[in-house]
């Protein structure tokens, strides 16, 4: 499923927190890894900045850093190449992923700008809003190391839909390769009630009856699914008022090493990159998150901002980025 993995780096230690997960996923799939460093300067639009010497020094520093990471991944047995491009980082990353048919983007939540009180830095957010492929978001809260991530428990949120089950194949592959346990999680949401019915005994009884019925249906579904899985698995079934809140609590309580989920579930908009559950999980989650894109790139409709920018740039002829690349022998 994942044959070519794109890993953007910016020379910072925070960005390199993705490397253990890169090794873990690439080893499980025998995938090619492409390291990409986009050198920005000035307004990010011009090919050469005002100070050419400083620009060349930054490119040399980026090349040296990528070569060091490339060698370390190569020593870990990963097939890897390194690319340097110039321009606006988020745009170059998204365009490269699409042009080179990358199957997976592995992003650090923060990079050169440092840790901030937001779920992700500006470049990571822009890439997630524009990328049309599966992606992994690694929270940059741990010291980077060059060794595989220890996947002992992988959490797989499921809602009973075929779209959510798109995450099953990669979950099985990773669990089988790393001998990890799959935690199948389903949340039954309590039905909302109008304020004037809060004291209604009948209304409360009906709500509880519906929750009980849905829990029984979900239990049957997950039991049948678990019986077909070729890896160790366990079911976590619960009721709550909000799916994302329950998922975060379960991930923390179970100390999961990876949350792996489909981009969409049964109630998702067919044209958005991510459904509401994954969008909130990106913002509020803490565990590493791998989102499997269940839609084809041509099915994803551009946002209003993308459409407006594309129209305004129709008359502008962009120069292709200057690229320096090398590959391990």
Protein backbone atom coordinates (compact mmCIF):
# COMPACT_ATOMS: atom_id res chain seq x y z
CA UNK A 1 0.00 0.00 0.00
CA UNK A 2 2.82 2.40 0.86
CA UNK A 3 5.55 2.16 -1.79
CA UNK A 4 6.97 5.69 -1.69
CA UNK A 5 7.06 7.70 1.54
CA UNK A 6 7.79 11.43 1.51
CA UNK A 7 9.44 12.85 4.63
CA UNK A 8 9.85 16.66 4.72
CA UNK A 9 12.69 17.92 6.93
CA UNK A 10 13.92 21.42 7.70
CA UNK A 11 17.22 20.78 9.46
CA UNK A 12 15.76 20.98 12.97
CA UNK A 13 15.78 18.26 15.63
CA UNK A 14 12.03 18.72 16.10
CA UNK A 15 11.39 17.77 12.48
CA UNK A 16 13.51 14.64 12.89
CA UNK A 17 11.07 13.19 15.44
CA UNK A 18 9.46 11.50 12.41
CA UNK A 19 12.47 9.27 11.75
CA UNK A 20 11.61 6.35 14.10
CA UNK A 21 8.13 6.15 12.54
CA UNK A 22 9.60 6.47 9.06
CA UNK A 23 11.80 3.44 9.74
CA UNK A 24 8.93 1.48 11.28
CA UNK A 25 6.53 2.03 8.36
CA UNK A 26 9.14 1.76 5.60
CA UNK A 27 10.49 -1.51 7.04
CA UNK A 28 7.00 -3.02 7.22
CA UNK A 29 6.28 -2.14 3.59
CA UNK A 30 9.82 -2.30 2.15
CA UNK A 31 9.03 1.20 0.91
CA UNK A 32 11.26 3.82 -0.68
CA UNK A 33 11.78 6.91 1.47
CA UNK A 34 12.31 10.36 -0.03
CA UNK A 35 13.73 13.06 2.25
CA UNK A 36 12.73 16.54 1.09
CA UNK A 37 14.15 19.83 2.32
CA UNK A 38 12.66 23.02 0.89
CA UNK A 39 14.95 26.03 1.24
CA UNK A 40 12.92 29.19 1.66
CA UNK A 41 14.23 32.73 1.31
CA UNK A 42 12.78 36.23 1.11
CA UNK A 43 9.11 36.03 0.21
CA UNK A 44 9.48 32.39 -0.87
CA UNK A 45 8.44 33.24 -4.43
CA UNK A 46 11.70 34.24 -6.08
CA UNK A 47 14.22 31.63 -7.13
CA UNK A 48 17.17 33.64 -5.80
CA UNK A 49 17.08 35.87 -2.67
CA UNK A 50 18.70 39.25 -2.20
CA UNK A 51 21.82 37.69 -0.64
CA UNK A 52 23.04 34.91 -2.98
CA UNK A 53 25.94 33.96 -0.67
CA UNK A 54 23.66 33.41 2.33
CA UNK A 55 21.30 31.47 0.08
CA UNK A 56 24.06 29.14 -1.11
CA UNK A 57 25.21 28.61 2.48
CA UNK A 58 21.70 27.62 3.50
CA UNK A 59 21.50 25.17 0.60
CA UNK A 60 24.87 23.68 1.56
CA UNK A 61 23.74 23.32 5.17
CA UNK A 62 20.49 21.66 4.05
CA UNK A 63 22.39 19.24 1.81
CA UNK A 64 24.80 18.32 4.60
CA UNK A 65 21.95 17.70 7.03
CA UNK A 66 20.00 15.58 4.56
CA UNK A 67 23.09 13.55 3.72
CA UNK A 68 23.65 12.81 7.41
CA UNK A 69 20.04 11.65 7.86
CA UNK A 70 20.19 9.69 4.60
CA UNK A 71 23.24 7.77 5.74
CA UNK A 72 21.67 6.94 9.10
CA UNK A 73 18.50 5.65 7.44
CA UNK A 74 20.59 3.70 4.96
CA UNK A 75 22.42 2.06 7.87
CA UNK A 76 18.99 1.09 9.24
CA UNK A 77 18.34 -0.81 6.01
CA UNK A 78 15.93 1.72 4.47
CA UNK A 79 16.09 2.58 0.77
CA UNK A 80 16.34 6.36 0.80
CA UNK A 81 17.00 9.31 -1.48
CA UNK A 82 17.30 13.01 -0.67
CA UNK A 83 15.94 16.02 -2.52
CA UNK A 84 16.46 19.77 -2.11
CA UNK A 85 13.96 22.22 -3.59
CA UNK A 86 13.56 25.99 -3.38
CA UNK A 87 10.43 28.03 -2.82
CA UNK A 88 7.51 27.97 -0.42
CA UNK A 89 7.80 24.86 1.75
CA UNK A 90 4.16 23.80 2.07
CA UNK A 91 3.46 24.28 -1.63
CA UNK A 92 6.59 22.42 -2.75
CA UNK A 93 5.90 19.52 -0.38
CA UNK A 94 2.30 19.08 -1.49
CA UNK A 95 3.19 19.45 -5.18
CA UNK A 96 6.08 16.97 -4.93
CA UNK A 97 3.90 14.40 -3.17
CA UNK A 98 1.29 14.64 -5.92
CA UNK A 99 3.70 14.80 -8.87
CA UNK A 100 5.77 11.81 -7.71
CA UNK A 101 2.76 9.72 -6.60
CA UNK A 102 3.91 9.45 -2.99
CA UNK A 103 1.68 7.09 -1.02
CA UNK A 104 2.35 8.54 2.41
CA UNK A 105 3.50 11.84 3.88
CA UNK A 106 5.14 11.69 7.31
CA UNK A 107 5.08 15.11 8.98
CA UNK A 108 6.41 16.49 12.21
CA UNK A 109 3.92 18.71 14.01
CA UNK A 110 6.63 21.35 14.53
CA UNK A 111 9.99 22.19 13.05
CA UNK A 112 12.51 24.99 12.78
CA UNK A 113 10.17 27.60 14.30
CA UNK A 114 10.12 25.61 17.54
CA UNK A 115 7.38 24.25 19.78
CA UNK A 116 4.32 26.46 19.94
CA UNK A 117 0.99 26.24 21.83
CA UNK A 118 -0.76 24.97 18.71
CA UNK A 119 -1.38 21.42 17.51
CA UNK A 120 0.92 21.92 14.53
CA UNK A 121 3.17 24.54 13.00
CA UNK A 122 2.17 26.61 9.99
CA UNK A 123 3.95 24.48 7.39
CA UNK A 124 2.49 21.22 8.73
CA UNK A 125 -1.01 22.71 8.79
CA UNK A 126 -0.73 24.00 5.23
CA UNK A 127 0.55 20.65 3.99
CA UNK A 128 -2.29 18.79 5.69
CA UNK A 129 -4.82 21.17 4.14
CA UNK A 130 -3.43 20.70 0.64
CA UNK A 131 -2.08 17.12 0.48
CA UNK A 132 -4.25 14.53 -1.27
CA UNK A 133 -2.55 11.43 0.06
CA UNK A 134 -2.37 9.43 3.27
CA UNK A 135 -0.37 11.15 5.97
CA UNK A 136 1.15 10.57 9.38
CA UNK A 137 1.40 13.37 11.91
CA UNK A 138 4.04 12.85 14.60
CA UNK A 139 3.85 15.11 17.65
CA UNK A 140 7.24 16.77 18.13
CA UNK A 141 7.39 16.28 21.88
CA UNK A 142 10.08 13.61 22.13
CA UNK A 143 13.79 13.61 21.46
CA UNK A 144 14.49 12.21 17.96
CA UNK A 145 16.32 8.91 17.61
CA UNK A 146 17.35 6.74 14.69
CA UNK A 147 15.66 3.47 15.54
CA UNK A 148 12.25 1.99 14.73
CA UNK A 149 9.28 3.21 16.72
CA UNK A 150 8.18 0.56 19.20
CA UNK A 151 4.67 -0.32 18.03
CA UNK A 152 3.24 -2.46 20.80
CA UNK A 153 -0.37 -1.30 20.61
CA UNK A 154 -2.07 0.29 17.58
CA UNK A 155 -5.49 1.86 18.06
CA UNK A 156 -7.94 1.50 15.19
CA UNK A 157 -11.15 3.58 15.47
CA UNK A 158 -14.07 1.97 13.60
CA UNK A 159 -17.66 3.09 13.11
CA UNK A 160 -19.01 0.09 11.18
CA UNK A 161 -18.66 1.69 7.74
CA UNK A 162 -16.65 0.42 4.79
CA UNK A 163 -14.89 3.77 4.61
CA UNK A 164 -13.56 3.39 8.16
CA UNK A 165 -12.38 -0.13 7.32
CA UNK A 166 -9.99 1.33 4.72
CA UNK A 167 -7.53 1.58 7.61
CA UNK A 168 -7.59 -2.18 8.25
CA UNK A 169 -4.98 -3.31 5.65
CA UNK A 170 -2.17 -1.00 6.84
CA UNK A 171 -3.08 -1.70 10.47
CA UNK A 172 -2.75 -5.44 9.87
CA UNK A 173 0.54 -5.00 7.99
CA UNK A 174 2.11 -2.91 10.75
CA UNK A 175 0.77 -5.11 13.54
CA UNK A 176 2.02 -8.27 11.83
CA UNK A 177 5.48 -6.83 11.12
CA UNK A 178 6.01 -5.43 14.62
CA UNK A 179 4.00 -8.04 16.53
CA UNK A 180 1.72 -5.32 17.85
CA UNK A 181 -1.76 -5.63 19.28
CA UNK A 182 -4.65 -4.00 17.44
CA UNK A 183 -7.09 -2.17 19.68
CA UNK A 184 -10.45 -1.98 17.87
CA UNK A 185 -12.33 1.01 19.28
CA UNK A 186 -15.95 1.90 18.71
CA UNK A 187 -17.85 4.70 20.42
CA UNK A 188 -21.63 4.73 20.69
CA UNK A 189 -22.74 8.34 21.06
CA UNK A 190 -25.62 9.21 23.29
CA UNK A 191 -28.52 10.83 21.42
CA UNK A 192 -28.88 14.58 22.07
CA UNK A 193 -32.03 15.77 23.79
CA UNK A 194 -33.72 19.15 23.75
CA UNK A 195 -33.30 21.23 26.88
CA UNK A 196 -36.98 21.13 27.82
CA UNK A 197 -36.88 17.32 27.88
CA UNK A 198 -33.92 17.00 30.24
CA UNK A 199 -36.20 16.05 33.13
CA UNK A 200 -38.29 13.66 31.05
CA UNK A 201 -38.06 10.16 32.50
CA UNK A 202 -39.47 8.67 29.31
CA UNK A 203 -36.98 10.52 27.16
CA UNK A 204 -34.07 9.34 29.28
CA UNK A 205 -35.31 5.76 29.15
CA UNK A 206 -35.62 5.88 25.36
CA UNK A 207 -32.10 7.31 25.05
CA UNK A 208 -30.66 4.58 27.27
CA UNK A 209 -32.53 1.92 25.33
CA UNK A 210 -31.10 3.22 22.05
CA UNK A 211 -27.56 3.29 23.47
CA UNK A 212 -27.96 -0.27 24.75
CA UNK A 213 -29.21 -1.45 21.36
CA UNK A 214 -26.35 0.25 19.50
CA UNK A 215 -23.79 -1.19 21.91
CA UNK A 216 -25.11 -4.71 21.24
CA UNK A 217 -24.98 -4.14 17.46
CA UNK A 218 -21.46 -2.75 17.68
CA UNK A 219 -20.34 -5.67 19.87
CA UNK A 220 -21.54 -8.18 17.27
CA UNK A 221 -19.86 -6.25 14.45
CA UNK A 222 -16.49 -5.97 16.23
CA UNK A 223 -16.56 -9.60 17.39
CA UNK A 224 -17.10 -10.83 13.84
CA UNK A 225 -14.41 -8.50 12.54
CA UNK A 226 -11.92 -9.54 15.20
CA UNK A 227 -12.47 -13.23 14.39
CA UNK A 228 -11.23 -12.59 10.84
CA UNK A 229 -8.08 -10.70 11.79
CA UNK A 230 -4.73 -12.53 11.36
CA UNK A 231 -3.11 -10.57 14.22
CA UNK A 232 -3.58 -10.16 17.96
CA UNK A 233 -6.49 -7.82 18.68
CA UNK A 234 -8.76 -6.58 21.41
CA UNK A 235 -12.09 -4.74 21.40
CA UNK A 236 -12.78 -1.55 23.33
CA UNK A 237 -16.47 -0.63 23.19
CA UNK A 238 -17.84 2.36 25.05
CA UNK A 239 -20.53 5.04 25.10
CA UNK A 240 -19.93 8.77 25.25
CA UNK A 241 -21.20 12.16 24.23
CA UNK A 242 -18.40 12.87 21.72
CA UNK A 243 -16.36 10.42 19.64
CA UNK A 244 -13.12 12.40 19.61
CA UNK A 245 -13.13 12.89 23.39
CA UNK A 246 -13.53 9.15 23.92
CA UNK A 247 -10.77 8.34 21.43
CA UNK A 248 -8.33 10.66 23.18
CA UNK A 249 -9.16 9.18 26.58
CA UNK A 250 -8.76 5.61 25.32
CA UNK A 251 -5.45 6.42 23.58
CA UNK A 252 -4.07 7.91 26.77
CA UNK A 253 -5.40 5.21 29.09
CA UNK A 254 -4.23 2.34 26.86
CA UNK A 255 -0.88 4.05 26.16
CA UNK A 256 -1.20 3.38 22.42
CA UNK A 257 1.86 3.90 20.25
CA UNK A 258 -0.07 4.80 17.11
CA UNK A 259 -3.59 5.83 16.18
CA UNK A 260 -4.38 4.53 12.69
CA UNK A 261 -7.66 5.55 11.06
CA UNK A 262 -9.40 6.21 7.77
CA UNK A 263 -9.78 9.83 6.70
CA UNK A 264 -13.55 9.40 6.58
CA UNK A 265 -16.33 7.47 8.27
CA UNK A 266 -19.99 6.89 7.55
CA UNK A 267 -21.06 10.49 8.13
CA UNK A 268 -18.21 12.28 6.34
CA UNK A 269 -18.50 14.80 3.55
CA UNK A 270 -17.46 13.07 0.33
CA UNK A 271 -15.38 16.02 -0.89
CA UNK A 272 -13.37 17.04 2.17
CA UNK A 273 -9.86 15.72 2.82
CA UNK A 274 -10.75 14.60 6.33
CA UNK A 275 -13.97 13.90 8.15
CA UNK A 276 -14.87 15.77 11.33
CA UNK A 277 -13.49 13.07 13.67
CA UNK A 278 -10.06 13.09 12.03
CA UNK A 279 -10.01 16.89 11.81
CA UNK A 280 -10.59 17.15 15.57
CA UNK A 281 -8.13 14.35 16.29
CA UNK A 282 -5.44 16.27 14.39
CA UNK A 283 -6.14 19.30 16.55
CA UNK A 284 -6.62 17.74 19.96
CA UNK A 285 -4.87 14.34 19.85
CA UNK A 286 -1.48 13.62 21.39
CA UNK A 287 -0.50 10.21 19.98
CA UNK A 288 1.16 9.76 16.57
CA UNK A 289 -1.62 9.68 13.99
CA UNK A 290 -1.64 7.85 10.65
CA UNK A 291 -4.60 8.83 8.46
CA UNK A 292 -5.35 6.58 5.49
CA UNK A 293 -6.86 8.60 2.65
CA UNK A 294 -9.76 6.53 1.31
CA UNK A 295 -10.49 8.94 -1.56
CA UNK A 296 -8.71 9.26 -4.89
CA UNK A 297 -6.96 12.61 -5.51
CA UNK A 298 -9.42 13.54 -8.25
CA UNK A 299 -12.33 13.04 -5.85
CA UNK A 300 -11.08 15.70 -3.43
CA UNK A 301 -12.59 19.08 -4.22
CA UNK A 302 -10.40 22.15 -3.81
CA UNK A 303 -11.19 24.49 -0.94
CA UNK A 304 -12.46 27.99 -1.64
CA UNK A 305 -9.01 29.40 -0.88
CA UNK A 306 -7.32 26.96 -3.27
CA UNK A 307 -9.78 27.77 -6.04
CA UNK A 308 -9.34 31.54 -5.66
CA UNK A 309 -5.53 31.32 -5.62
CA UNK A 310 -5.54 29.02 -8.63
CA UNK A 311 -7.65 31.50 -10.61
CA UNK A 312 -5.44 34.43 -9.66
CA UNK A 313 -2.33 32.50 -10.71
CA UNK A 314 -3.65 31.30 -14.06
CA UNK A 315 -1.86 34.09 -15.86
CA UNK A 316 1.41 33.67 -13.95
CA UNK A 317 4.03 31.38 -15.43
CA UNK A 318 5.91 29.72 -12.56
CA UNK A 319 9.53 28.65 -12.99
CA UNK A 320 10.17 25.02 -11.98
CA UNK A 321 12.09 24.56 -8.71
CA UNK A 322 15.80 23.98 -8.84
CA UNK A 323 16.39 20.46 -7.59
CA UNK A 324 19.47 18.75 -6.21
CA UNK A 325 19.13 15.03 -5.60
CA UNK A 326 21.28 12.05 -4.69
CA UNK A 327 20.53 8.46 -3.91
CA UNK A 328 22.21 5.81 -1.78
CA UNK A 329 24.26 3.39 -3.83
